[in-house]
Amino acid sequence: MRFFRDVSRSKARRRLHGNKHALIPILLGVEEPYVPKSAEDLDAEESLTLTREELAEYDGFEEGAPLYLSISGRVYDVSKGEKFYGENGKYHGFVGTDATRAFATGCTREECISSSTEGLTESELREIDRWVELYETHDKYKFVGHLVDDPVNAILNGL
């Protein structure tokens, strides 16, 4: 899984930056880290904010609805990868949720799918960054917004 991700990342780096030798440092794990655009850099009209409950609605079970997943609080439309993320796809469990921990560890079991980064190693944290780069630069997948805490719950919990 990681090998093919890295090949895809190198293709994107070559396409976007003209770096025809991007694969070697990526495979050796010595590439410069990718820094995604911050919320301030994005046009507010083009970027959504979704709560976890709203994200869960984009799980692929409602016909015609897009497939969204989140990694590190960044939400991506992966509908064009239905083979992988659709109802019978290997990574369907990632859809409709923040699967940061699963991306870091490579574990696709339900108990591994979580937004928690607690206890992850430096190497696993770098894996998260590599996956974010893949989704940010992939031809088929599109950044759609950020995951936020439900403001109503925050108010109610503060009472």
C-alpha atoms as a PDB file:
ATOM      1  CA  MET A   1       0.000   0.000   0.000  1.00  0.00           C
ATOM      2  CA  ARG A   2       2.751   2.482   0.942  1.00  0.00           C
ATOM      3  CA  PHE A   3       4.900   1.644  -2.082  1.00  0.00           C
ATOM      4  CA  PHE A   4       2.092   2.524  -4.515  1.00  0.00           C
ATOM      5  CA  ARG A   5       1.291   5.649  -2.497  1.00  0.00           C
ATOM      6  CA  ASP A   6       4.926   6.742  -2.823  1.00  0.00           C
ATOM      7  CA  VAL A   7       4.999   6.079  -6.562  1.00  0.00           C
ATOM      8  CA  SER A   8       1.866   8.216  -6.904  1.00  0.00           C
ATOM      9  CA  ARG A   9       3.446  10.969  -4.787  1.00  0.00           C
ATOM     10  CA  SER A  10       6.547  10.971  -7.000  1.00  0.00           C
ATOM     11  CA  LYS A  11       4.391  11.244 -10.133  1.00  0.00           C
ATOM     12  CA  ALA A  12       2.564  14.208  -8.611  1.00  0.00           C
ATOM     13  CA  ARG A  13       5.845  15.901  -7.660  1.00  0.00           C
ATOM     14  CA  ARG A  14       7.118  15.384 -11.209  1.00  0.00           C
ATOM     15  CA  ARG A  15       3.860  16.733 -12.696  1.00  0.00           C
ATOM     16  CA  LEU A  16       3.546  19.713 -10.344  1.00  0.00           C
ATOM     17  CA  HIS A  17       7.185  20.669  -9.865  1.00  0.00           C
ATOM     18  CA  GLY A  18       9.045  19.168 -12.797  1.00  0.00           C
ATOM     19  CA  ASN A  19      11.119  16.981 -10.492  1.00  0.00           C
ATOM     20  CA  LYS A  20      11.773  13.942 -12.682  1.00  0.00           C
ATOM     21  CA  HIS A  21      13.962  12.314  -9.994  1.00  0.00           C
ATOM     22  CA  ALA A  22      11.419  12.560  -7.152  1.00  0.00           C
ATOM     23  CA  LEU A  23      10.979   8.810  -6.668  1.00  0.00           C
ATOM     24  CA  ILE A  24      14.465   8.057  -5.283  1.00  0.00           C
ATOM     25  CA  PRO A  25      14.377  10.371  -2.233  1.00  0.00           C
ATOM     26  CA  ILE A  26      10.770   9.376  -1.573  1.00  0.00           C
ATOM     27  CA  LEU A  27      11.603   5.662  -1.573  1.00  0.00           C
ATOM     28  CA  LEU A  28      14.632   6.323   0.655  1.00  0.00           C
ATOM     29  CA  GLY A  29      12.457   8.389   3.011  1.00  0.00           C
ATOM     30  CA  VAL A  30      14.643  11.491   2.751  1.00  0.00           C
ATOM     31  CA  GLU A  31      12.339  13.727   0.705  1.00  0.00           C
ATOM     32  CA  GLU A  32      11.492  17.255   1.741  1.00  0.00           C
ATOM     33  CA  PRO A  33       8.169  17.245   3.582  1.00  0.00           C
ATOM     34  CA  TYR A  34       5.103  18.467   1.764  1.00  0.00           C
ATOM     35  CA  VAL A  35       3.323  21.389   3.412  1.00  0.00           C
ATOM     36  CA  PRO A  36      -0.396  21.578   2.552  1.00  0.00           C
ATOM     37  CA  LYS A  37      -2.106  24.916   2.162  1.00  0.00           C
ATOM     38  CA  SER A  38      -3.378  26.318   5.425  1.00  0.00           C
ATOM     39  CA  ALA A  39      -7.006  27.326   5.974  1.00  0.00           C
ATOM     40  CA  GLU A  40      -5.967  30.971   5.553  1.00  0.00           C
ATOM     41  CA  ASP A  41      -4.515  30.221   2.101  1.00  0.00           C
ATOM     42  CA  LEU A  42      -7.741  28.694   0.834  1.00  0.00           C
ATOM     43  CA  ASP A  43     -10.660  30.632  -0.531  1.00  0.00           C
ATOM     44  CA  ALA A  44     -13.364  30.419   2.145  1.00  0.00           C
ATOM     45  CA  GLU A  45     -16.048  29.854  -0.481  1.00  0.00           C
ATOM     46  CA  GLU A  46     -14.248  26.808  -1.844  1.00  0.00           C
ATOM     47  CA  SER A  47     -13.646  25.201   1.550  1.00  0.00           C
ATOM     48  CA  LEU A  48     -16.273  23.502   3.712  1.00  0.00           C
ATOM     49  CA  THR A  49     -16.268  22.962   7.427  1.00  0.00           C
ATOM     50  CA  LEU A  50     -17.808  19.686   8.524  1.00  0.00           C
ATOM     51  CA  THR A  51     -18.504  18.254  11.954  1.00  0.00           C
ATOM     52  CA  ARG A  52     -17.857  14.552  12.554  1.00  0.00           C
ATOM     53  CA  GLU A  53     -21.599  13.937  12.343  1.00  0.00           C
ATOM     54  CA  GLU A  54     -21.814  15.720   8.980  1.00  0.00           C
ATOM     55  CA  LEU A  55     -18.764  13.852   7.667  1.00  0.00           C
ATOM     56  CA  ALA A  56     -20.407  10.547   8.630  1.00  0.00           C
ATOM     57  CA  GLU A  57     -23.198  11.289   6.130  1.00  0.00           C
ATOM     58  CA  TYR A  58     -20.702  10.967   3.258  1.00  0.00           C
ATOM     59  CA  ASP A  59     -20.082   7.257   3.828  1.00  0.00           C
ATOM     60  CA  GLY A  60     -21.273   6.003   0.446  1.00  0.00           C
ATOM     61  CA  PHE A  61     -24.488   4.392   1.615  1.00  0.00           C
ATOM     62  CA  GLU A  62     -26.759   7.121   0.242  1.00  0.00           C
ATOM     63  CA  GLU A  63     -26.991   6.762  -3.523  1.00  0.00           C
ATOM     64  CA  GLY A  64     -25.374   9.625  -5.400  1.00  0.00           C
ATOM     65  CA  ALA A  65     -23.721  11.142  -2.310  1.00  0.00           C
ATOM     66  CA  PRO A  66     -19.975  11.757  -2.538  1.00  0.00           C
ATOM     67  CA  LEU A  67     -17.451   9.715  -0.578  1.00  0.00           C
ATOM     68  CA  TYR A  68     -15.524  11.843   1.918  1.00  0.00           C
ATOM     69  CA  LEU A  69     -12.723  10.869   4.268  1.00  0.00           C
ATOM     70  CA  SER A  70     -10.600  12.880   6.632  1.00  0.00           C
ATOM     71  CA  ILE A  71      -6.956  12.701   7.589  1.00  0.00           C
ATOM     72  CA  SER A  72      -5.538  15.135  10.141  1.00  0.00           C
ATOM     73  CA  GLY A  73      -8.788  17.065  10.049  1.00  0.00           C
ATOM     74  CA  ARG A  74      -8.527  17.681   6.286  1.00  0.00           C
ATOM     75  CA  VAL A  75     -11.508  16.354   4.327  1.00  0.00           C
ATOM     76  CA  TYR A  76     -11.140  14.873   0.832  1.00  0.00           C
ATOM     77  CA  ASP A  77     -13.649  13.764  -1.778  1.00  0.00           C
ATOM     78  CA  VAL A  78     -12.532  10.281  -2.850  1.00  0.00           C
ATOM     79  CA  SER A  79     -15.615   9.489  -4.956  1.00  0.00           C
ATOM     80  CA  LYS A  80     -13.512   8.858  -8.064  1.00  0.00           C
ATOM     81  CA  GLY A  81     -11.783   6.057  -6.172  1.00  0.00           C
ATOM     82  CA  GLU A  82     -15.015   4.150  -5.596  1.00  0.00           C
ATOM     83  CA  LYS A  83     -13.233   0.872  -6.362  1.00  0.00           C
ATOM     84  CA  PHE A  84     -11.202   1.380  -3.175  1.00  0.00           C
ATOM     85  CA  TYR A  85     -13.546   3.487  -1.045  1.00  0.00           C
ATOM     86  CA  GLY A  86     -16.999   2.350  -2.179  1.00  0.00           C
ATOM     87  CA  GLU A  87     -19.226  -0.039  -0.260  1.00  0.00           C
ATOM     88  CA  ASN A  88     -17.223  -3.155  -1.181  1.00  0.00           C
ATOM     89  CA  GLY A  89     -13.810  -1.454  -1.319  1.00  0.00           C
ATOM     90  CA  LYS A  90     -10.888  -2.364   0.918  1.00  0.00           C
ATOM     91  CA  TYR A  91     -10.792   1.139   2.431  1.00  0.00           C
ATOM     92  CA  HIS A  92     -14.525   1.735   2.772  1.00  0.00           C
ATOM     93  CA  GLY A  93     -14.116   1.904   6.558  1.00  0.00           C
ATOM     94  CA  PHE A  94     -12.133   5.137   6.120  1.00  0.00           C
ATOM     95  CA  VAL A  95     -15.046   6.892   4.412  1.00  0.00           C
ATOM     96  CA  GLY A  96     -17.242   9.155   6.520  1.00  0.00           C
ATOM     97  CA  THR A  97     -14.665   9.424   9.300  1.00  0.00           C
ATOM     98  CA  ASP A  98     -11.268  10.816  10.269  1.00  0.00           C
ATOM     99  CA  ALA A  99      -8.953   7.840   9.780  1.00  0.00           C
ATOM    100  CA  THR A 100      -5.675   9.534  10.729  1.00  0.00           C
ATOM    101  CA  ARG A 101      -4.472   6.727  13.023  1.00  0.00           C
ATOM    102  CA  ALA A 102      -5.189   4.054  10.396  1.00  0.00           C
ATOM    103  CA  PHE A 103      -3.154   5.973   7.808  1.00  0.00           C
ATOM    104  CA  ALA A 104      -0.281   6.334  10.290  1.00  0.00           C
ATOM    105  CA  THR A 105      -0.170   2.680  11.296  1.00  0.00           C
ATOM    106  CA  GLY A 106      -1.324   0.982   8.095  1.00  0.00           C
ATOM    107  CA  CYS A 107      -4.008  -0.873  10.062  1.00  0.00           C
ATOM    108  CA  THR A 108      -7.356  -1.065   8.236  1.00  0.00           C
ATOM    109  CA  ARG A 109      -9.319  -2.830  10.996  1.00  0.00           C
ATOM    110  CA  GLU A 110     -12.282  -0.936  12.434  1.00  0.00           C
ATOM    111  CA  GLU A 111     -10.639  -0.513  15.842  1.00  0.00           C
ATOM    112  CA  CYS A 112      -7.694   1.281  14.178  1.00  0.00           C
ATOM    113  CA  ILE A 113      -9.812   3.910  12.437  1.00  0.00           C
ATOM    114  CA  SER A 114      -9.554   6.985  14.635  1.00  0.00           C
ATOM    115  CA  SER A 115      -8.418  10.590  14.596  1.00  0.00           C
ATOM    116  CA  SER A 116      -6.180  10.027  17.623  1.00  0.00           C
ATOM    117  CA  THR A 117      -2.440  10.466  17.190  1.00  0.00           C
ATOM    118  CA  GLU A 118      -1.688   9.714  20.833  1.00  0.00           C
ATOM    119  CA  GLY A 119       1.243   7.352  21.244  1.00  0.00           C
ATOM    120  CA  LEU A 120       2.290   7.380  17.582  1.00  0.00           C
ATOM    121  CA  THR A 121       5.988   7.232  16.775  1.00  0.00           C
ATOM    122  CA  GLU A 122       7.836   9.896  14.771  1.00  0.00           C
ATOM    123  CA  SER A 123       7.856   7.503  11.829  1.00  0.00           C
ATOM    124  CA  GLU A 124       4.084   7.029  12.027  1.00  0.00           C
ATOM    125  CA  LEU A 125       3.542  10.794  12.245  1.00  0.00           C
ATOM    126  CA  ARG A 126       5.615  11.200   9.048  1.00  0.00           C
ATOM    127  CA  GLU A 127       3.342   8.618   7.399  1.00  0.00           C
ATOM    128  CA  ILE A 128       0.385  10.899   8.075  1.00  0.00           C
ATOM    129  CA  ASP A 129       2.161  13.736   6.246  1.00  0.00           C
ATOM    130  CA  ARG A 130       2.891  11.442   3.303  1.00  0.00           C
ATOM    131  CA  TRP A 131      -0.758  10.446   3.038  1.00  0.00           C
ATOM    132  CA  VAL A 132      -1.855  14.088   3.227  1.00  0.00           C
ATOM    133  CA  GLU A 133       0.516  14.830   0.341  1.00  0.00           C
ATOM    134  CA  LEU A 134      -1.001  12.020  -1.697  1.00  0.00           C
ATOM    135  CA  TYR A 135      -4.545  13.305  -1.245  1.00  0.00           C
ATOM    136  CA  GLU A 136      -3.537  16.937  -1.762  1.00  0.00           C
ATOM    137  CA  THR A 137      -1.764  16.256  -5.055  1.00  0.00           C
ATOM    138  CA  HIS A 138      -3.727  13.316  -6.460  1.00  0.00           C
ATOM    139  CA  ASP A 139      -5.440  13.842  -9.818  1.00  0.00           C
ATOM    140  CA  LYS A 140      -8.641  12.078  -8.745  1.00  0.00           C
ATOM    141  CA  TYR A 141      -9.095  13.201  -5.150  1.00  0.00           C
ATOM    142  CA  LYS A 142     -10.063  16.704  -4.107  1.00  0.00           C
ATOM    143  CA  PHE A 143      -9.632  18.654  -0.884  1.00  0.00           C
ATOM    144  CA  VAL A 144     -13.080  19.889   0.182  1.00  0.00           C
ATOM    145  CA  GLY A 145     -12.608  21.324   3.664  1.00  0.00           C
ATOM    146  CA  HIS A 146     -11.799  20.900   7.313  1.00  0.00           C
ATOM    147  CA  LEU A 147     -13.221  18.854  10.137  1.00  0.00           C
ATOM    148  CA  VAL A 148     -14.404  20.985  13.080  1.00  0.00           C
ATOM    149  CA  ASP A 149     -15.880  20.320  16.481  1.00  0.00           C
ATOM    150  CA  ASP A 150     -19.653  20.700  16.634  1.00  0.00           C
ATOM    151  CA  PRO A 151     -20.211  24.265  17.922  1.00  0.00           C
ATOM    152  CA  VAL A 152     -23.550  23.319  19.502  1.00  0.00           C
ATOM    153  CA  ASN A 153     -21.939  20.510  21.514  1.00  0.00           C
ATOM    154  CA  ALA A 154     -19.174  22.892  22.593  1.00  0.00           C
ATOM    155  CA  ILE A 155     -21.757  25.362  23.897  1.00  0.00           C
ATOM    156  CA  LEU A 156     -23.801  22.647  25.628  1.00  0.00           C
ATOM    157  CA  ASN A 157     -20.719  21.085  27.217  1.00  0.00           C
ATOM    158  CA  GLY A 158     -19.657  24.508  28.487  1.00  0.00           C
ATOM    159  CA  LEU A 159     -22.854  24.950  30.515  1.00  0.00           C
END
